[in-house]
Amino acid sequence: MDWEGVSTRVVETDPAVSLRAVGALHRLAEQLEAASVAHARKQGWTWEQIGDALGMSRQSAHAKYGR
């Protein structure tokens, strides 16, 4: 996929359209991350393993998802 071409086309569109698309992508990424963390916990992963996989500390991962 030519991501540079995609980003150029997005930037050249109506800002309202591209900003709504960015918001939707952020929400989708957050949902996927939460589901992946829940699955990892069910598989016995530690908060340290999850934090490492997400590029954050175990404390941050637990604070965000440990409910």
PDB file of N, CA and C in Angstrom:
ATOM      1  N   MET A   1       0.852  -1.182   0.000  1.00  0.00           N
ATOM      2  CA  MET A   1       0.000   0.000   0.000  1.00  0.00           C
ATOM      3  C   MET A   1       0.890   1.234   0.000  1.00  0.00           C
ATOM      4  N   ASP A   2       0.555   2.184  -0.812  1.00  0.00           N
ATOM      5  CA  ASP A   2       1.299   3.441  -0.901  1.00  0.00           C
ATOM      6  C   ASP A   2       0.736   4.426   0.116  1.00  0.00           C
ATOM      7  N   TRP A   3       1.218   4.344   1.370  1.00  0.00           N
ATOM      8  CA  TRP A   3       0.680   5.185   2.447  1.00  0.00           C
ATOM      9  C   TRP A   3       0.970   6.656   2.224  1.00  0.00           C
ATOM     10  N   GLU A   4       2.097   6.966   1.577  1.00  0.00           N
ATOM     11  CA  GLU A   4       2.397   8.373   1.298  1.00  0.00           C
ATOM     12  C   GLU A   4       1.355   8.951   0.347  1.00  0.00           C
ATOM     13  N   GLY A   5       0.984   8.186  -0.644  1.00  0.00           N
ATOM     14  CA  GLY A   5      -0.048   8.631  -1.577  1.00  0.00           C
ATOM     15  C   GLY A   5      -1.397   8.791  -0.905  1.00  0.00           C
ATOM     16  N   VAL A   6      -1.716   7.862  -0.022  1.00  0.00           N
ATOM     17  CA  VAL A   6      -2.973   7.949   0.717  1.00  0.00           C
ATOM     18  C   VAL A   6      -2.987   9.191   1.589  1.00  0.00           C
ATOM     19  N   SER A   7      -1.910   9.420   2.331  1.00  0.00           N
ATOM     20  CA  SER A   7      -1.889  10.585   3.213  1.00  0.00           C
ATOM     21  C   SER A   7      -1.944  11.884   2.427  1.00  0.00           C
ATOM     22  N   THR A   8      -1.330  11.924   1.262  1.00  0.00           N
ATOM     23  CA  THR A   8      -1.388  13.119   0.416  1.00  0.00           C
ATOM     24  C   THR A   8      -2.816  13.372  -0.042  1.00  0.00           C
ATOM     25  N   ARG A   9      -3.508  12.324  -0.475  1.00  0.00           N
ATOM     26  CA  ARG A   9      -4.898  12.476  -0.916  1.00  0.00           C
ATOM     27  C   ARG A   9      -5.792  12.913   0.233  1.00  0.00           C
ATOM     28  N   VAL A  10      -5.561  12.369   1.427  1.00  0.00           N
ATOM     29  CA  VAL A  10      -6.379  12.735   2.581  1.00  0.00           C
ATOM     30  C   VAL A  10      -6.175  14.198   2.930  1.00  0.00           C
ATOM     31  N   VAL A  11      -4.937  14.641   2.953  1.00  0.00           N
ATOM     32  CA  VAL A  11      -4.633  16.020   3.306  1.00  0.00           C
ATOM     33  C   VAL A  11      -5.245  16.991   2.304  1.00  0.00           C
ATOM     34  N   GLU A  12      -5.359  16.568   1.064  1.00  0.00           N
ATOM     35  CA  GLU A  12      -5.898  17.442   0.028  1.00  0.00           C
ATOM     36  C   GLU A  12      -7.420  17.454  -0.032  1.00  0.00           C
ATOM     37  N   THR A  13      -8.094  16.644   0.802  1.00  0.00           N
ATOM     38  CA  THR A  13      -9.552  16.636   0.813  1.00  0.00           C
ATOM     39  C   THR A  13     -10.062  17.672   1.809  1.00  0.00           C
ATOM     40  N   ASP A  14     -11.372  17.756   1.907  1.00  0.00           N
ATOM     41  CA  ASP A  14     -12.021  18.647   2.862  1.00  0.00           C
ATOM     42  C   ASP A  14     -11.538  18.285   4.272  1.00  0.00           C
ATOM     43  N   PRO A  15     -11.017  19.244   5.032  1.00  0.00           N
ATOM     44  CA  PRO A  15     -10.523  18.938   6.376  1.00  0.00           C
ATOM     45  C   PRO A  15     -11.569  18.278   7.271  1.00  0.00           C
ATOM     46  N   ALA A  16     -12.819  18.648   7.122  1.00  0.00           N
ATOM     47  CA  ALA A  16     -13.863  18.033   7.949  1.00  0.00           C
ATOM     48  C   ALA A  16     -13.948  16.535   7.685  1.00  0.00           C
ATOM     49  N   VAL A  17     -13.819  16.144   6.437  1.00  0.00           N
ATOM     50  CA  VAL A  17     -13.882  14.725   6.066  1.00  0.00           C
ATOM     51  C   VAL A  17     -12.670  13.989   6.619  1.00  0.00           C
ATOM     52  N   SER A  18     -11.483  14.547   6.403  1.00  0.00           N
ATOM     53  CA  SER A  18     -10.284  13.844   6.857  1.00  0.00           C
ATOM     54  C   SER A  18     -10.212  13.797   8.387  1.00  0.00           C
ATOM     55  N   LEU A  19     -10.650  14.838   9.067  1.00  0.00           N
ATOM     56  CA  LEU A  19     -10.621  14.827  10.539  1.00  0.00           C
ATOM     57  C   LEU A  19     -11.625  13.830  11.110  1.00  0.00           C
ATOM     58  N   ARG A  20     -12.792  13.712  10.478  1.00  0.00           N
ATOM     59  CA  ARG A  20     -13.750  12.687  10.928  1.00  0.00           C
ATOM     60  C   ARG A  20     -13.167  11.293  10.717  1.00  0.00           C
ATOM     61  N   ALA A  21     -12.462  11.092   9.601  1.00  0.00           N
ATOM     62  CA  ALA A  21     -11.828   9.795   9.337  1.00  0.00           C
ATOM     63  C   ALA A  21     -10.766   9.491  10.384  1.00  0.00           C
ATOM     64  N   VAL A  22      -9.972  10.483  10.743  1.00  0.00           N
ATOM     65  CA  VAL A  22      -8.943  10.290  11.778  1.00  0.00           C
ATOM     66  C   VAL A  22      -9.596   9.924  13.104  1.00  0.00           C
ATOM     67  N   GLY A  23     -10.669  10.615  13.457  1.00  0.00           N
ATOM     68  CA  GLY A  23     -11.380  10.291  14.699  1.00  0.00           C
ATOM     69  C   GLY A  23     -11.903   8.870  14.708  1.00  0.00           C
ATOM     70  N   ALA A  24     -12.469   8.446  13.581  1.00  0.00           N
ATOM     71  CA  ALA A  24     -12.987   7.077  13.475  1.00  0.00           C
ATOM     72  C   ALA A  24     -11.859   6.060  13.601  1.00  0.00           C
ATOM     73  N   LEU A  25     -10.714   6.344  12.999  1.00  0.00           N
ATOM     74  CA  LEU A  25      -9.571   5.437  13.105  1.00  0.00           C
ATOM     75  C   LEU A  25      -9.061   5.350  14.542  1.00  0.00           C
ATOM     76  N   HIS A  26      -9.034   6.485  15.243  1.00  0.00           N
ATOM     77  CA  HIS A  26      -8.622   6.472  16.649  1.00  0.00           C
ATOM     78  C   HIS A  26      -9.564   5.610  17.488  1.00  0.00           C
ATOM     79  N   ARG A  27     -10.870   5.783  17.275  1.00  0.00           N
ATOM     80  CA  ARG A  27     -11.838   4.984  18.042  1.00  0.00           C
ATOM     81  C   ARG A  27     -11.683   3.502  17.737  1.00  0.00           C
ATOM     82  N   LEU A  28     -11.489   3.164  16.484  1.00  0.00           N
ATOM     83  CA  LEU A  28     -11.296   1.761  16.092  1.00  0.00           C
ATOM     84  C   LEU A  28     -10.037   1.189  16.723  1.00  0.00           C
ATOM     85  N   ALA A  29      -8.955   1.957  16.704  1.00  0.00           N
ATOM     86  CA  ALA A  29      -7.697   1.500  17.306  1.00  0.00           C
ATOM     87  C   ALA A  29      -7.865   1.277  18.804  1.00  0.00           C
ATOM     88  N   GLU A  30      -8.575   2.181  19.493  1.00  0.00           N
ATOM     89  CA  GLU A  30      -8.807   2.020  20.932  1.00  0.00           C
ATOM     90  C   GLU A  30      -9.623   0.760  21.221  1.00  0.00           C
ATOM     91  N   GLN A  31     -10.643   0.502  20.402  1.00  0.00           N
ATOM     92  CA  GLN A  31     -11.465  -0.694  20.586  1.00  0.00           C
ATOM     93  C   GLN A  31     -10.650  -1.968  20.351  1.00  0.00           C
ATOM     94  N   LEU A  32      -9.833  -1.965  19.312  1.00  0.00           N
ATOM     95  CA  LEU A  32      -8.988  -3.122  19.009  1.00  0.00           C
ATOM     96  C   LEU A  32      -7.963  -3.354  20.115  1.00  0.00           C
ATOM     97  N   GLU A  33      -7.382  -2.265  20.632  1.00  0.00           N
ATOM     98  CA  GLU A  33      -6.410  -2.385  21.711  1.00  0.00           C
ATOM     99  C   GLU A  33      -7.071  -2.971  22.956  1.00  0.00           C
ATOM    100  N   ALA A  34      -8.238  -2.476  23.325  1.00  0.00           N
ATOM    101  CA  ALA A  34      -8.935  -2.974  24.518  1.00  0.00           C
ATOM    102  C   ALA A  34      -9.295  -4.448  24.368  1.00  0.00           C
ATOM    103  N   ALA A  35      -9.788  -4.829  23.199  1.00  0.00           N
ATOM    104  CA  ALA A  35     -10.137  -6.234  22.966  1.00  0.00           C
ATOM    105  C   ALA A  35      -8.893  -7.116  23.004  1.00  0.00           C
ATOM    106  N   SER A  36      -7.795  -6.633  22.459  1.00  0.00           N
ATOM    107  CA  SER A  36      -6.549  -7.398  22.459  1.00  0.00           C
ATOM    108  C   SER A  36      -5.993  -7.570  23.865  1.00  0.00           C
ATOM    109  N   VAL A  37      -6.088  -6.527  24.668  1.00  0.00           N
ATOM    110  CA  VAL A  37      -5.638  -6.613  26.061  1.00  0.00           C
ATOM    111  C   VAL A  37      -6.505  -7.619  26.820  1.00  0.00           C
ATOM    112  N   ALA A  38      -7.805  -7.546  26.649  1.00  0.00           N
ATOM    113  CA  ALA A  38      -8.703  -8.489  27.329  1.00  0.00           C
ATOM    114  C   ALA A  38      -8.373  -9.924  26.927  1.00  0.00           C
ATOM    115  N   HIS A  39      -8.115 -10.140  25.650  1.00  0.00           N
ATOM    116  CA  HIS A  39      -7.763 -11.478  25.171  1.00  0.00           C
ATOM    117  C   HIS A  39      -6.433 -11.937  25.763  1.00  0.00           C
ATOM    118  N   ALA A  40      -5.452 -11.040  25.786  1.00  0.00           N
ATOM    119  CA  ALA A  40      -4.149 -11.388  26.363  1.00  0.00           C
ATOM    120  C   ALA A  40      -4.286 -11.763  27.830  1.00  0.00           C
ATOM    121  N   ARG A  41      -5.086 -11.017  28.576  1.00  0.00           N
ATOM    122  CA  ARG A  41      -5.277 -11.331  29.998  1.00  0.00           C
ATOM    123  C   ARG A  41      -5.927 -12.708  30.150  1.00  0.00           C
ATOM    124  N   LYS A  42      -6.921 -13.011  29.307  1.00  0.00           N
ATOM    125  CA  LYS A  42      -7.572 -14.333  29.361  1.00  0.00           C
ATOM    126  C   LYS A  42      -6.590 -15.448  29.038  1.00  0.00           C
ATOM    127  N   GLN A  43      -5.568 -15.136  28.232  1.00  0.00           N
ATOM    128  CA  GLN A  43      -4.544 -16.111  27.878  1.00  0.00           C
ATOM    129  C   GLN A  43      -3.440 -16.192  28.922  1.00  0.00           C
ATOM    130  N   GLY A  44      -3.559 -15.396  30.003  1.00  0.00           N
ATOM    131  CA  GLY A  44      -2.592 -15.461  31.088  1.00  0.00           C
ATOM    132  C   GLY A  44      -1.421 -14.502  30.985  1.00  0.00           C
ATOM    133  N   TRP A  45      -1.482 -13.555  30.068  1.00  0.00           N
ATOM    134  CA  TRP A  45      -0.398 -12.579  29.954  1.00  0.00           C
ATOM    135  C   TRP A  45      -0.358 -11.688  31.187  1.00  0.00           C
ATOM    136  N   THR A  46       0.851 -11.313  31.561  1.00  0.00           N
ATOM    137  CA  THR A  46       1.028 -10.385  32.680  1.00  0.00           C
ATOM    138  C   THR A  46       0.885  -8.952  32.169  1.00  0.00           C
ATOM    139  N   TRP A  47       0.691  -8.034  33.130  1.00  0.00           N
ATOM    140  CA  TRP A  47       0.628  -6.621  32.752  1.00  0.00           C
ATOM    141  C   TRP A  47       1.963  -6.155  32.170  1.00  0.00           C
ATOM    142  N   GLU A  48       3.048  -6.762  32.627  1.00  0.00           N
ATOM    143  CA  GLU A  48       4.353  -6.413  32.073  1.00  0.00           C
ATOM    144  C   GLU A  48       4.450  -6.807  30.601  1.00  0.00           C
ATOM    145  N   GLN A  49       3.996  -8.004  30.267  1.00  0.00           N
ATOM    146  CA  GLN A  49       4.021  -8.452  28.873  1.00  0.00           C
ATOM    147  C   GLN A  49       3.142  -7.559  27.995  1.00  0.00           C
ATOM    148  N   ILE A  50       1.979  -7.236  28.500  1.00  0.00           N
ATOM    149  CA  ILE A  50       1.057  -6.383  27.747  1.00  0.00           C
ATOM    150  C   ILE A  50       1.655  -4.994  27.559  1.00  0.00           C
ATOM    151  N   GLY A  51       2.181  -4.426  28.629  1.00  0.00           N
ATOM    152  CA  GLY A  51       2.806  -3.115  28.530  1.00  0.00           C
ATOM    153  C   GLY A  51       3.941  -3.106  27.529  1.00  0.00           C
ATOM    154  N   ASP A  52       4.784  -4.146  27.575  1.00  0.00           N
ATOM    155  CA  ASP A  52       5.893  -4.243  26.611  1.00  0.00           C
ATOM    156  C   ASP A  52       5.369  -4.283  25.175  1.00  0.00           C
ATOM    157  N   ALA A  53       4.334  -5.074  24.947  1.00  0.00           N
ATOM    158  CA  ALA A  53       3.783  -5.201  23.594  1.00  0.00           C
ATOM    159  C   ALA A  53       3.181  -3.882  23.100  1.00  0.00           C
ATOM    160  N   LEU A  54       2.655  -3.089  24.027  1.00  0.00           N
ATOM    161  CA  LEU A  54       2.031  -1.818  23.657  1.00  0.00           C
ATOM    162  C   LEU A  54       3.002  -0.638  23.716  1.00  0.00           C
ATOM    163  N   GLY A  55       4.216  -0.892  24.174  1.00  0.00           N
ATOM    164  CA  GLY A  55       5.186   0.191  24.272  1.00  0.00           C
ATOM    165  C   GLY A  55       4.916   1.139  25.427  1.00  0.00           C
ATOM    166  N   MET A  56       4.407   0.581  26.523  1.00  0.00           N
ATOM    167  CA  MET A  56       4.151   1.378  27.718  1.00  0.00           C
ATOM    168  C   MET A  56       4.547   0.568  28.938  1.00  0.00           C
ATOM    169  N   SER A  57       4.554   1.199  30.082  1.00  0.00           N
ATOM    170  CA  SER A  57       4.907   0.484  31.306  1.00  0.00           C
ATOM    171  C   SER A  57       3.762  -0.441  31.717  1.00  0.00           C
ATOM    172  N   ARG A  58       4.093  -1.421  32.549  1.00  0.00           N
ATOM    173  CA  ARG A  58       3.038  -2.308  33.052  1.00  0.00           C
ATOM    174  C   ARG A  58       2.040  -1.527  33.884  1.00  0.00           C
ATOM    175  N   GLN A  59       2.532  -0.509  34.601  1.00  0.00           N
ATOM    176  CA  GLN A  59       1.648   0.314  35.417  1.00  0.00           C
ATOM    177  C   GLN A  59       0.657   1.081  34.548  1.00  0.00           C
ATOM    178  N   SER A  60       1.145   1.621  33.434  1.00  0.00           N
ATOM    179  CA  SER A  60       0.253   2.354  32.520  1.00  0.00           C
ATOM    180  C   SER A  60      -0.775   1.427  31.896  1.00  0.00           C
ATOM    181  N   ALA A  61      -0.348   0.249  31.493  1.00  0.00           N
ATOM    182  CA  ALA A  61      -1.285  -0.720  30.908  1.00  0.00           C
ATOM    183  C   ALA A  61      -2.341  -1.112  31.926  1.00  0.00           C
ATOM    184  N   HIS A  62      -1.920  -1.381  33.155  1.00  0.00           N
ATOM    185  CA  HIS A  62      -2.872  -1.761  34.184  1.00  0.00           C
ATOM    186  C   HIS A  62      -3.818  -0.616  34.518  1.00  0.00           C
ATOM    187  N   ALA A  63      -3.286   0.591  34.600  1.00  0.00           N
ATOM    188  CA  ALA A  63      -4.131   1.761  34.914  1.00  0.00           C
ATOM    189  C   ALA A  63      -5.175   1.975  33.821  1.00  0.00           C
ATOM    190  N   LYS A  64      -4.802   1.726  32.581  1.00  0.00           N
ATOM    191  CA  LYS A  64      -5.720   1.955  31.464  1.00  0.00           C
ATOM    192  C   LYS A  64      -6.748   0.851  31.304  1.00  0.00           C
ATOM    193  N   TYR A  65      -6.347  -0.412  31.552  1.00  0.00           N
ATOM    194  CA  TYR A  65      -7.208  -1.549  31.229  1.00  0.00           C
ATOM    195  C   TYR A  65      -7.538  -2.461  32.408  1.00  0.00           C
ATOM    196  N   GLY A  66      -6.950  -2.243  33.556  1.00  0.00           N
ATOM    197  CA  GLY A  66      -7.147  -3.168  34.665  1.00  0.00           C
ATOM    198  C   GLY A  66      -8.378  -2.873  35.498  1.00  0.00           C
ATOM    199  N   ARG A  67      -9.536  -2.990  34.912  1.00  0.00           N
ATOM    200  CA  ARG A  67     -10.763  -2.723  35.659  1.00  0.00           C
ATOM    201  C   ARG A  67     -11.439  -3.995  36.087  1.00  0.00           C
TER     202      ARG A  67
END
